[in-house]
Protein backbone atom coordinates (compact mmCIF):
# COMPACT_ATOMS: atom_id res chain seq x y z
CA UNK A 1 0.00 0.00 0.00
CA UNK A 2 1.29 3.44 -0.90
CA UNK A 3 2.20 5.73 1.94
CA UNK A 4 -0.46 8.35 2.60
CA UNK A 5 0.43 11.84 1.46
CA UNK A 6 -0.52 15.10 3.05
CA UNK A 7 -0.51 18.53 1.48
CA UNK A 8 1.84 21.02 3.14
CA UNK A 9 0.06 22.60 6.08
CA UNK A 10 1.45 26.13 6.26
CA UNK A 11 2.99 27.56 9.43
CA UNK A 12 3.65 25.17 12.31
CA UNK A 13 2.79 26.30 15.85
CA UNK A 14 6.38 27.42 16.49
CA UNK A 15 6.64 29.37 13.25
CA UNK A 16 3.22 30.94 13.88
CA UNK A 17 4.39 32.06 17.34
CA UNK A 18 7.59 33.51 15.86
CA UNK A 19 5.58 35.30 13.16
CA UNK A 20 3.39 36.92 15.84
CA UNK A 21 6.45 37.90 17.90
CA UNK A 22 8.16 39.42 14.86
CA UNK A 23 4.98 41.33 14.00
CA UNK A 24 4.94 42.82 17.51
CA UNK A 25 8.60 43.83 17.22
CA UNK A 26 7.97 45.28 13.77
CA UNK A 27 4.98 47.24 15.12
CA UNK A 28 7.15 48.85 17.78
CA UNK A 29 9.94 49.67 15.31
CA UNK A 30 7.52 51.13 12.76
CA UNK A 31 5.92 53.29 15.46
CA UNK A 32 9.22 54.53 16.82
CA UNK A 33 11.33 55.03 13.70
CA UNK A 34 8.80 55.67 10.93
CA UNK A 35 5.81 57.31 12.56
CA UNK A 36 8.02 58.90 15.24
CA UNK A 37 10.69 60.17 12.87
CA UNK A 38 11.63 63.73 13.95
CA UNK A 39 11.15 64.92 10.38
CA UNK A 40 7.41 64.42 10.80
CA UNK A 41 7.09 67.08 13.51
CA UNK A 42 7.46 70.80 14.00
CA UNK A 43 11.02 71.69 15.06
CA UNK A 44 11.89 68.00 14.58
CA UNK A 45 10.49 67.31 18.02
CA UNK A 46 8.19 64.26 18.35
CA UNK A 47 6.62 65.88 21.39
CA UNK A 48 5.49 68.84 19.27
CA UNK A 49 2.65 68.95 16.76
CA UNK A 50 2.94 67.03 13.48
CA UNK A 51 3.83 69.08 10.43
CA UNK A 52 0.64 70.11 8.66
CA UNK A 53 -0.47 67.39 6.26
CA UNK A 54 2.03 64.83 7.63
CA UNK A 55 -0.04 61.67 8.19
CA UNK A 56 2.80 59.69 9.78
CA UNK A 57 3.18 62.27 12.53
CA UNK A 58 -0.58 62.26 13.11
CA UNK A 59 -0.53 58.47 13.47
CA UNK A 60 2.34 58.72 15.96
CA UNK A 61 0.11 60.90 18.13
CA UNK A 62 -2.22 57.91 18.47
CA UNK A 63 -0.15 56.94 21.47
CA UNK A 64 1.35 53.77 22.90
CA UNK A 65 -1.50 51.54 21.66
CA UNK A 66 -0.61 52.22 18.02
CA UNK A 67 2.32 49.73 17.96
CA UNK A 68 -0.03 46.97 19.11
CA UNK A 69 -2.59 47.84 16.45
CA UNK A 70 0.10 48.00 13.76
CA UNK A 71 1.28 44.56 14.92
CA UNK A 72 -2.26 43.18 14.71
CA UNK A 73 -2.64 44.46 11.15
CA UNK A 74 0.70 42.87 10.26
CA UNK A 75 -0.42 39.57 11.84
CA UNK A 76 -3.62 39.67 9.79
CA UNK A 77 -1.60 40.32 6.63
CA UNK A 78 0.94 37.57 7.37
CA UNK A 79 -1.65 34.88 8.11
CA UNK A 80 -3.89 35.94 5.23
CA UNK A 81 -0.98 35.37 2.85
CA UNK A 82 -0.06 32.11 4.64
CA UNK A 83 -3.60 30.73 4.35
CA UNK A 84 -3.91 31.89 0.75
CA UNK A 85 -0.72 30.08 -0.29
CA UNK A 86 -1.65 26.96 1.68
CA UNK A 87 -5.14 26.73 0.23
CA UNK A 88 -3.84 27.32 -3.29
CA UNK A 89 -1.50 24.36 -2.80
CA UNK A 90 -4.30 22.30 -1.26
CA UNK A 91 -6.59 23.11 -4.17
CA UNK A 92 -4.11 21.54 -6.57
CA UNK A 93 -4.04 22.07 -10.32
CA UNK A 94 -7.22 22.82 -12.23
CA UNK A 95 -10.81 22.96 -11.00
CA UNK A 96 -12.03 20.46 -8.43
CA UNK A 97 -15.33 19.71 -10.20
CA UNK A 98 -13.52 18.95 -13.46
CA UNK A 99 -11.10 16.70 -11.61
CA UNK A 100 -13.96 14.77 -9.97
CA UNK A 101 -15.70 14.30 -13.33
CA UNK A 102 -12.46 13.02 -14.83
CA UNK A 103 -12.04 10.51 -11.99
CA UNK A 104 -15.64 9.32 -12.48
CA UNK A 105 -15.01 8.79 -16.19
CA UNK A 106 -11.79 6.86 -15.57
CA UNK A 107 -13.44 4.70 -12.91
CA UNK A 108 -16.36 3.97 -15.24
CA UNK A 109 -13.81 2.79 -17.80
CA UNK A 110 -12.07 0.69 -15.11
CA UNK A 111 -8.87 2.67 -15.71
CA UNK A 112 -7.74 2.89 -12.09
CA UNK A 113 -4.09 3.38 -12.97
CA UNK A 114 -5.10 6.34 -15.14
CA UNK A 115 -7.17 7.72 -12.24
CA UNK A 116 -4.20 7.42 -9.89
CA UNK A 117 -1.99 9.20 -12.43
CA UNK A 118 -4.60 11.97 -12.62
CA UNK A 119 -4.41 12.30 -8.84
CA UNK A 120 -0.61 12.54 -8.98
CA UNK A 121 -0.95 15.28 -11.59
CA UNK A 122 -3.61 17.22 -9.64
CA UNK A 123 -1.56 17.20 -6.40
CA UNK A 124 -4.13 18.73 -4.05
CA UNK A 125 -5.87 17.63 -0.86
CA UNK A 126 -8.77 16.23 -2.88
CA UNK A 127 -6.36 14.28 -5.08
CA UNK A 128 -4.58 12.86 -2.03
CA UNK A 129 -7.84 11.52 -0.59
CA UNK A 130 -9.01 10.13 -3.92
CA UNK A 131 -5.64 8.48 -4.54
CA UNK A 132 -5.69 6.77 -1.15
CA UNK A 133 -9.22 5.55 -1.88
CA UNK A 134 -8.32 4.23 -5.33
CA UNK A 135 -5.26 2.36 -4.06
CA UNK A 136 -7.37 0.77 -1.31
CA UNK A 137 -10.10 0.02 -3.86
CA UNK A 138 -7.65 -2.02 -5.95
CA UNK A 139 -6.39 -3.85 -2.89
CA UNK A 140 -9.90 -4.76 -1.81
CA UNK A 141 -10.78 -6.09 -5.27
CA UNK A 142 -7.84 -8.51 -5.06
CA UNK A 143 -8.43 -9.50 -1.42
CA UNK A 144 -10.18 -12.88 -1.25
CA UNK A 145 -10.13 -13.13 2.54
CA UNK A 146 -12.82 -10.50 3.24
CA UNK A 147 -16.48 -10.36 2.36
CA UNK A 148 -18.08 -7.39 0.61
CA UNK A 149 -19.22 -5.64 3.79
CA UNK A 150 -15.75 -5.91 5.33
CA UNK A 151 -14.19 -4.54 2.17
CA UNK A 152 -16.61 -1.61 2.12
CA UNK A 153 -15.82 -0.80 5.75
CA UNK A 154 -12.08 -1.01 5.07
CA UNK A 155 -12.48 1.29 2.06
CA UNK A 156 -14.53 3.80 4.06
CA UNK A 157 -11.98 3.74 6.87
CA UNK A 158 -9.16 4.40 4.43
CA UNK A 159 -11.00 7.40 2.96
CA UNK A 160 -11.79 8.74 6.44
CA UNK A 161 -8.15 8.44 7.50
CA UNK A 162 -6.95 10.18 4.35
CA UNK A 163 -9.51 12.94 4.89
CA UNK A 164 -8.47 13.33 8.54
CA UNK A 165 -4.92 14.05 7.35
CA UNK A 166 -6.06 16.85 5.06
CA UNK A 167 -8.85 18.71 6.88
CA UNK A 168 -6.82 19.96 9.89
CA UNK A 169 -4.30 21.47 7.47
CA UNK A 170 -7.03 23.38 5.66
CA UNK A 171 -8.35 25.13 8.78
CA UNK A 172 -4.97 25.50 10.50
CA UNK A 173 -4.23 29.04 11.79
CA UNK A 174 -7.76 30.27 10.98
CA UNK A 175 -8.38 30.78 14.74
CA UNK A 176 -5.63 33.41 14.66
CA UNK A 177 -7.57 35.41 12.08
CA UNK A 178 -10.83 35.08 13.99
CA UNK A 179 -9.11 36.14 17.23
CA UNK A 180 -7.44 39.18 15.67
CA UNK A 181 -10.80 40.20 14.21
CA UNK A 182 -12.15 40.46 17.75
CA UNK A 183 -9.23 41.93 19.65
CA UNK A 184 -8.36 44.49 16.98
CA UNK A 185 -11.65 46.28 17.56
CA UNK A 186 -11.36 45.99 21.34
CA UNK A 187 -7.80 47.34 21.48
CA UNK A 188 -8.78 50.14 19.12
CA UNK A 189 -11.69 50.94 21.43
CA UNK A 190 -9.35 51.12 24.42
CA UNK A 191 -7.20 53.62 22.52
CA UNK A 192 -10.31 55.58 21.59
CA UNK A 193 -11.42 55.80 25.21
CA UNK A 194 -7.97 56.88 26.39
CA UNK A 195 -7.87 59.55 23.70
CA UNK A 196 -11.28 60.87 24.72
CA UNK A 197 -10.21 60.93 28.36
CA UNK A 198 -7.22 63.06 27.40
CA UNK A 199 -9.45 65.36 25.33
CA UNK A 200 -11.96 65.88 28.12
CA UNK A 201 -9.13 66.45 30.59
CA UNK A 202 -7.81 69.24 28.34
CA UNK A 203 -11.30 70.77 28.10
CA UNK A 204 -11.90 70.63 31.84
CA UNK A 205 -9.39 73.39 32.48
CA UNK A 206 -10.42 77.00 32.51
CA UNK A 207 -8.63 77.68 29.24
CA UNK A 208 -8.58 74.47 27.18
CA UNK A 209 -5.11 73.17 26.31
CA UNK A 210 -5.45 73.04 22.54
CA UNK A 211 -2.33 70.89 22.11
CA UNK A 212 -3.58 68.28 24.58
CA UNK A 213 -7.06 68.46 23.08
CA UNK A 214 -5.66 67.89 19.58
CA UNK A 215 -3.46 65.03 20.78
CA UNK A 216 -6.40 63.38 22.54
CA UNK A 217 -8.62 63.59 19.47
CA UNK A 218 -5.81 62.24 17.26
CA UNK A 219 -5.25 59.37 19.66
CA UNK A 220 -8.94 58.47 19.66
CA UNK A 221 -9.42 58.64 15.89
CA UNK A 222 -6.16 56.92 14.91
CA UNK A 223 -6.76 53.99 17.26
CA UNK A 224 -10.33 53.67 16.04
CA UNK A 225 -9.19 53.61 12.42
CA UNK A 226 -6.45 51.02 12.99
CA UNK A 227 -8.73 48.84 15.08
CA UNK A 228 -11.55 48.84 12.53
CA UNK A 229 -9.12 48.28 9.63
CA UNK A 230 -7.53 45.22 11.26
CA UNK A 231 -10.89 43.75 12.24
CA UNK A 232 -12.42 44.32 8.80
CA UNK A 233 -9.55 42.69 6.92
CA UNK A 234 -9.48 39.73 9.33
CA UNK A 235 -13.24 39.14 9.05
CA UNK A 236 -13.16 39.28 5.25
CA UNK A 237 -10.17 36.90 5.10
CA UNK A 238 -11.71 34.48 7.60
CA UNK A 239 -15.03 34.37 5.74
CA UNK A 240 -13.30 33.89 2.38
CA UNK A 241 -11.11 31.05 3.62
CA UNK A 242 -13.99 29.38 5.47
CA UNK A 243 -16.03 29.37 2.25
CA UNK A 244 -13.11 27.90 0.29
CA UNK A 245 -12.57 25.20 2.91
CA UNK A 246 -16.27 24.28 2.88
CA UNK A 247 -16.15 23.90 -0.90
CA UNK A 248 -13.04 21.72 -0.72
CA UNK A 249 -14.55 19.59 2.04
CA UNK A 250 -17.67 19.09 -0.07
CA UNK A 251 -15.50 17.99 -3.00
CA UNK A 252 -13.67 15.46 -0.81
CA UNK A 253 -16.97 14.08 0.52
CA UNK A 254 -18.39 13.81 -2.99
CA UNK A 255 -15.33 11.99 -4.29
CA UNK A 256 -15.28 9.60 -1.33
CA UNK A 257 -18.97 8.80 -1.80
CA UNK A 258 -18.37 8.13 -5.52
CA UNK A 259 -15.54 5.67 -4.80
CA UNK A 260 -17.57 3.78 -2.17
CA UNK A 261 -20.69 3.62 -4.35
CA UNK A 262 -18.70 2.41 -7.34
CA UNK A 263 -17.14 -0.38 -5.26
CA UNK A 264 -20.52 -1.37 -3.84
CA UNK A 265 -22.10 -1.52 -7.30
CA UNK A 266 -19.34 -3.38 -9.12
CA UNK A 267 -17.86 -5.79 -6.58
């Protein structure tokens, strides 16, 4: 029996942790050296007001929560690309529905070797499951020591095992996207509240401190914008990948059912 294959599964837990850590470090560096560059501020002083029209300086005034929100947006970007590449590999070559139709035609013609070659050419998660099923199918046809029901159960078990190798890879790291979608908004809201507190504190004095008032408003708006941006991108990516995974899972189930039904009808 051929050794079961598994499509590459993207970032491992260790690499995912390192990616998150690097995103946090990058967020801090971007905040300090890009947004906080002295050239973005009046008199080259980061404590002063941003130069008029300088967006980087305005973002810097968002305060200490900005690095965290930048990191979250970077995490969303990193894992969106990681899932996109992984699912493209898992999808294999060509369209899944055309591949399934081709396998059905080859099985109807009893060309199992041709079907296995088609799986090797397709090289996706669906192809891996189908290949495992076809190899087991051929073994069961030649096995004279088992009755039909035992062969069917063995074939189903083989398909289930092959599927269990592929499905975790498809949904791997999606929880990171769903988590960032939630915490991005919450962290942005914290920054918004802190900015409003600073603004109201500036207004509570007899003569409002316009600099503090401006800084507080900037802090509130910048954190709100970053928080909503990170959450929006993460939600869109999560929904897109979930839909793709559902479609791929359906294709695997359909192919498995076809193999089992063909065996039951012809053996």
